[in-house]
Amino acid sequence: MDASAKTLYVNDMAVRIRAGLLLIIPLYMGFTLYEAIYGSHWIVTGNSIHDTFDTDFDGHILYSVEAIRRTLDYSRQTMVLCYALFEMLAGMFALSARFSPTILLSSFLAKGQVPVWKPLTPKRFAWSIGASFISVCLVFFNPEVFAGWVNWVLAHDILPTTQNYMPRWIPLVLVWVCFGFMWMETVLGFCVGCKVHSLLVKAGLLKEECEACNNLRWNA
């Protein structure tokens, strides 16, 4: 990151390497969410399964087992998401970027390549999209904490604290969308967030322009 100029620039080669390093996070979260949503909700604790000699309305044989309902602990996933959120926010500013392990590592790995300098503003917008995705996933994994904050601020029990009020498909879709965006950044060098930023500038919704913002060549 070049902080000497008035307009901040980042080495796009390092940004692509960093996206590749962080790609493991949405991949891990995607499989975690899939297991949590579509995996078995029961753990068989008994050593045997007994035939009840009875069937249901569809003709399926019913068996008797000893099982408990599975409870999931998302403390590890929460820590991973908090770190990912830190990475997204850290890359937005020159000062905080110095504390990002992935920025330091990707900058080191990119030293042997010719730097490609691009304005920070579109990348900052793209990382803000990633930060919003991560925040939604944090709420999904910690619904009671978020509900407690909202209810405390509003002084009313707006959100329930005993059940997950967020539809399960929302974080699952966001995680794989995030994975796709980061994959395109890493492999293709295509920044979806930057293109969205360019459209918003073109539409006049964003006033902060830069050299790359008005480039609407989608195949670039």
Protein backbone atom coordinates (compact mmCIF):
# COMPACT_ATOMS: atom_id res chain seq x y z
CA MET A 1 0.00 0.00 0.00
CA ASP A 2 1.38 3.38 -1.05
CA ALA A 3 0.37 5.90 1.62
CA SER A 4 2.58 8.73 0.42
CA ALA A 5 0.21 9.94 -2.28
CA LYS A 6 -2.99 11.85 -1.64
CA THR A 7 -4.92 9.06 -3.36
CA LEU A 8 -4.02 5.75 -1.74
CA TYR A 9 -2.98 2.91 -4.02
CA VAL A 10 -2.59 -0.80 -3.40
CA ASN A 11 -0.56 -3.41 -5.23
CA ASP A 12 -3.18 -5.51 -7.00
CA MET A 13 -0.80 -8.46 -7.16
CA ALA A 14 -0.61 -8.50 -3.36
CA VAL A 15 -4.39 -8.07 -3.13
CA ARG A 16 -4.91 -11.17 -5.27
CA ILE A 17 -2.47 -13.18 -3.18
CA ARG A 18 -4.21 -12.01 -0.01
CA ALA A 19 -7.59 -13.07 -1.40
CA GLY A 20 -6.12 -16.51 -2.04
CA LEU A 21 -4.85 -16.73 1.53
CA LEU A 22 -8.25 -15.75 2.94
CA LEU A 23 -10.10 -18.13 0.61
CA ILE A 24 -9.84 -20.87 3.23
CA ILE A 25 -12.20 -18.96 5.57
CA PRO A 26 -15.39 -18.96 3.43
CA LEU A 27 -14.60 -22.52 2.39
CA TYR A 28 -14.41 -23.62 6.02
CA MET A 29 -17.54 -21.66 6.95
CA GLY A 30 -19.43 -23.06 3.96
CA PHE A 31 -18.87 -26.67 5.02
CA THR A 32 -19.59 -25.76 8.64
CA LEU A 33 -22.92 -24.21 7.71
CA TYR A 34 -23.81 -27.11 5.46
CA GLU A 35 -23.18 -29.57 8.30
CA ALA A 36 -25.08 -27.41 10.78
CA ILE A 37 -28.11 -26.97 8.52
CA TYR A 38 -28.33 -30.26 6.64
CA GLY A 39 -26.40 -32.59 8.96
CA SER A 40 -28.00 -34.98 11.45
CA HIS A 41 -29.53 -33.32 14.50
CA TRP A 42 -29.23 -36.48 16.61
CA ILE A 43 -26.40 -38.47 18.18
CA VAL A 44 -27.03 -42.15 18.83
CA THR A 45 -25.77 -42.99 22.33
CA GLY A 46 -27.02 -46.57 22.70
CA ASN A 47 -25.17 -49.68 21.56
CA SER A 48 -28.11 -51.34 19.88
CA ILE A 49 -31.11 -50.61 17.69
CA HIS A 50 -34.32 -52.50 18.42
CA ASP A 51 -37.09 -53.31 16.00
CA THR A 52 -40.45 -52.14 17.36
CA PHE A 53 -42.30 -54.45 14.96
CA ASP A 54 -44.34 -51.46 13.86
CA THR A 55 -44.46 -49.30 10.76
CA ASP A 56 -45.43 -45.73 9.95
CA PHE A 57 -48.08 -44.61 7.47
CA ASP A 58 -45.61 -44.97 4.59
CA GLY A 59 -44.75 -48.53 5.49
CA HIS A 60 -41.32 -47.73 6.93
CA ILE A 61 -40.17 -50.01 9.75
CA LEU A 62 -39.82 -48.18 13.07
CA TYR A 63 -36.82 -48.82 15.31
CA SER A 64 -36.11 -47.86 18.91
CA VAL A 65 -32.73 -46.21 19.64
CA GLU A 66 -31.08 -44.23 22.42
CA ALA A 67 -30.18 -40.80 21.09
CA ILE A 68 -29.73 -37.20 22.19
CA ARG A 69 -30.32 -34.04 20.22
CA ARG A 70 -27.03 -32.59 19.04
CA THR A 71 -26.02 -29.20 20.39
CA LEU A 72 -23.51 -27.22 18.35
CA ASP A 73 -20.83 -24.97 19.77
CA TYR A 74 -19.96 -22.14 17.40
CA SER A 75 -17.22 -20.52 19.49
CA ARG A 76 -14.51 -21.58 17.04
CA GLN A 77 -16.50 -20.36 14.05
CA THR A 78 -17.15 -17.08 15.86
CA MET A 79 -13.42 -16.55 16.39
CA VAL A 80 -12.71 -17.32 12.74
CA LEU A 81 -15.39 -14.86 11.61
CA CYS A 82 -14.11 -12.17 13.99
CA TYR A 83 -10.64 -12.57 12.51
CA ALA A 84 -12.05 -12.40 8.98
CA LEU A 85 -13.94 -9.24 9.92
CA PHE A 86 -10.72 -7.74 11.28
CA GLU A 87 -8.96 -8.55 8.00
CA MET A 88 -11.67 -6.87 5.94
CA LEU A 89 -11.62 -3.72 8.09
CA ALA A 90 -7.84 -3.61 8.46
CA GLY A 91 -7.26 -3.43 4.72
CA MET A 92 -9.36 -0.30 4.36
CA PHE A 93 -6.85 2.08 5.95
CA ALA A 94 -3.10 2.52 5.67
CA LEU A 95 -2.53 2.56 9.43
CA SER A 96 -4.56 -0.56 10.26
CA ALA A 97 -3.12 -2.45 7.28
CA ARG A 98 0.19 -2.67 9.15
CA PHE A 99 -1.46 -4.97 11.70
CA SER A 100 -2.91 -7.43 9.18
CA PRO A 101 -0.92 -10.71 8.98
CA THR A 102 -2.28 -11.52 5.53
CA ILE A 103 -1.36 -8.09 4.16
CA LEU A 104 2.19 -8.42 5.48
CA LEU A 105 2.52 -11.96 4.11
CA SER A 106 0.98 -11.19 0.72
CA SER A 107 3.16 -8.07 0.36
CA PHE A 108 6.22 -10.22 1.03
CA LEU A 109 5.13 -12.88 -1.47
CA ALA A 110 4.45 -10.23 -4.13
CA LYS A 111 7.94 -8.71 -3.93
CA GLY A 112 9.24 -10.83 -6.79
CA GLN A 113 6.51 -9.63 -9.17
CA VAL A 114 6.01 -6.38 -11.00
CA PRO A 115 3.58 -4.32 -8.88
CA VAL A 116 0.26 -3.29 -10.37
CA TRP A 117 -0.91 -0.18 -8.54
CA LYS A 118 -4.63 0.45 -8.31
CA PRO A 119 -6.64 2.95 -6.23
CA LEU A 120 -7.71 1.76 -2.80
CA THR A 121 -11.25 3.19 -2.91
CA PRO A 122 -12.86 0.44 -5.06
CA LYS A 123 -11.08 -2.26 -3.05
CA ARG A 124 -12.26 -0.61 0.16
CA PHE A 125 -15.84 -0.78 -1.14
CA ALA A 126 -15.39 -4.46 -2.02
CA TRP A 127 -14.03 -5.25 1.44
CA SER A 128 -16.97 -3.43 3.02
CA ILE A 129 -19.27 -5.84 1.18
CA GLY A 130 -17.25 -8.73 2.60
CA ALA A 131 -17.46 -7.21 6.08
CA SER A 132 -21.26 -6.99 5.81
CA PHE A 133 -21.45 -10.66 4.76
CA ILE A 134 -19.30 -11.65 7.73
CA SER A 135 -21.44 -9.60 10.11
CA VAL A 136 -24.58 -11.43 8.96
CA CYS A 137 -22.89 -14.79 9.57
CA LEU A 138 -21.82 -13.64 13.03
CA VAL A 139 -25.45 -12.87 13.84
CA PHE A 140 -26.50 -16.31 12.60
CA PHE A 141 -23.97 -18.07 14.84
CA ASN A 142 -24.72 -15.82 17.83
CA PRO A 143 -28.43 -14.93 17.58
CA GLU A 144 -28.96 -14.63 21.33
CA VAL A 145 -26.08 -12.17 21.73
CA PHE A 146 -27.29 -9.93 18.92
CA ALA A 147 -30.89 -10.18 20.14
CA GLY A 148 -29.77 -9.18 23.62
CA TRP A 149 -28.05 -6.07 22.29
CA VAL A 150 -31.02 -5.06 20.14
CA ASN A 151 -33.52 -5.65 22.93
CA TRP A 152 -31.36 -3.71 25.39
CA VAL A 153 -30.94 -0.72 23.05
CA LEU A 154 -34.64 -0.58 22.15
CA ALA A 155 -35.77 -1.48 25.70
CA HIS A 156 -38.21 -4.02 24.24
CA ASP A 157 -38.07 -7.72 23.46
CA ILE A 158 -38.03 -7.29 19.70
CA LEU A 159 -35.99 -10.40 18.91
CA PRO A 160 -36.27 -13.81 20.59
CA THR A 161 -33.30 -15.03 22.61
CA THR A 162 -34.22 -18.74 22.65
CA GLN A 163 -34.26 -19.48 18.92
CA ASN A 164 -32.50 -18.52 15.73
CA TYR A 165 -34.70 -15.99 13.94
CA MET A 166 -32.50 -15.75 10.83
CA PRO A 167 -33.45 -18.04 7.91
CA ARG A 168 -30.74 -20.68 7.54
CA TRP A 169 -30.30 -20.19 3.82
CA ILE A 170 -29.13 -16.57 4.19
CA PRO A 171 -25.67 -17.21 5.69
CA LEU A 172 -25.21 -20.32 3.55
CA VAL A 173 -25.78 -18.34 0.35
CA LEU A 174 -23.65 -15.41 1.52
CA VAL A 175 -20.71 -17.66 2.38
CA TRP A 176 -20.62 -19.27 -1.05
CA VAL A 177 -21.16 -15.92 -2.79
CA CYS A 178 -18.21 -14.59 -0.80
CA PHE A 179 -16.18 -17.64 -1.81
CA GLY A 180 -17.03 -17.00 -5.46
CA PHE A 181 -16.05 -13.34 -5.25
CA MET A 182 -12.72 -14.16 -3.63
CA TRP A 183 -12.03 -16.95 -6.12
CA MET A 184 -12.60 -14.57 -9.04
CA GLU A 185 -10.29 -12.03 -7.38
CA THR A 186 -7.57 -14.63 -6.85
CA VAL A 187 -7.71 -16.62 -10.07
CA LEU A 188 -9.19 -14.20 -12.61
CA GLY A 189 -8.15 -10.86 -11.11
CA PHE A 190 -11.80 -9.79 -11.39
CA CYS A 191 -13.02 -7.66 -8.48
CA VAL A 192 -16.81 -7.79 -8.33
CA GLY A 193 -16.98 -5.14 -5.61
CA CYS A 194 -14.83 -2.80 -7.71
CA LYS A 195 -17.21 -3.17 -10.64
CA VAL A 196 -20.20 -2.45 -8.41
CA HIS A 197 -18.36 0.61 -7.14
CA SER A 198 -17.74 1.78 -10.70
CA LEU A 199 -21.44 1.48 -11.52
CA LEU A 200 -22.40 3.48 -8.44
CA VAL A 201 -19.95 6.20 -9.41
CA LYS A 202 -21.30 6.18 -12.95
CA ALA A 203 -24.85 6.49 -11.57
CA GLY A 204 -23.82 9.42 -9.41
CA LEU A 205 -24.55 7.63 -6.13
CA LEU A 206 -20.90 7.86 -5.11
CA LYS A 207 -19.01 11.09 -5.62
CA GLU A 208 -15.48 9.94 -4.82
CA GLU A 209 -14.00 9.12 -8.19
CA CYS A 210 -10.66 7.59 -9.04
CA GLU A 211 -8.77 6.36 -12.09
CA ALA A 212 -10.27 2.89 -12.08
CA CYS A 213 -13.78 3.77 -10.94
CA ASN A 214 -15.05 4.87 -14.35
CA ASN A 215 -13.57 1.89 -16.17
CA LEU A 216 -16.64 -0.11 -17.15
CA ARG A 217 -14.82 -2.67 -19.29
CA TRP A 218 -16.30 -5.75 -17.70
CA ASN A 219 -13.83 -8.06 -19.44
CA ALA A 220 -10.85 -6.16 -18.04
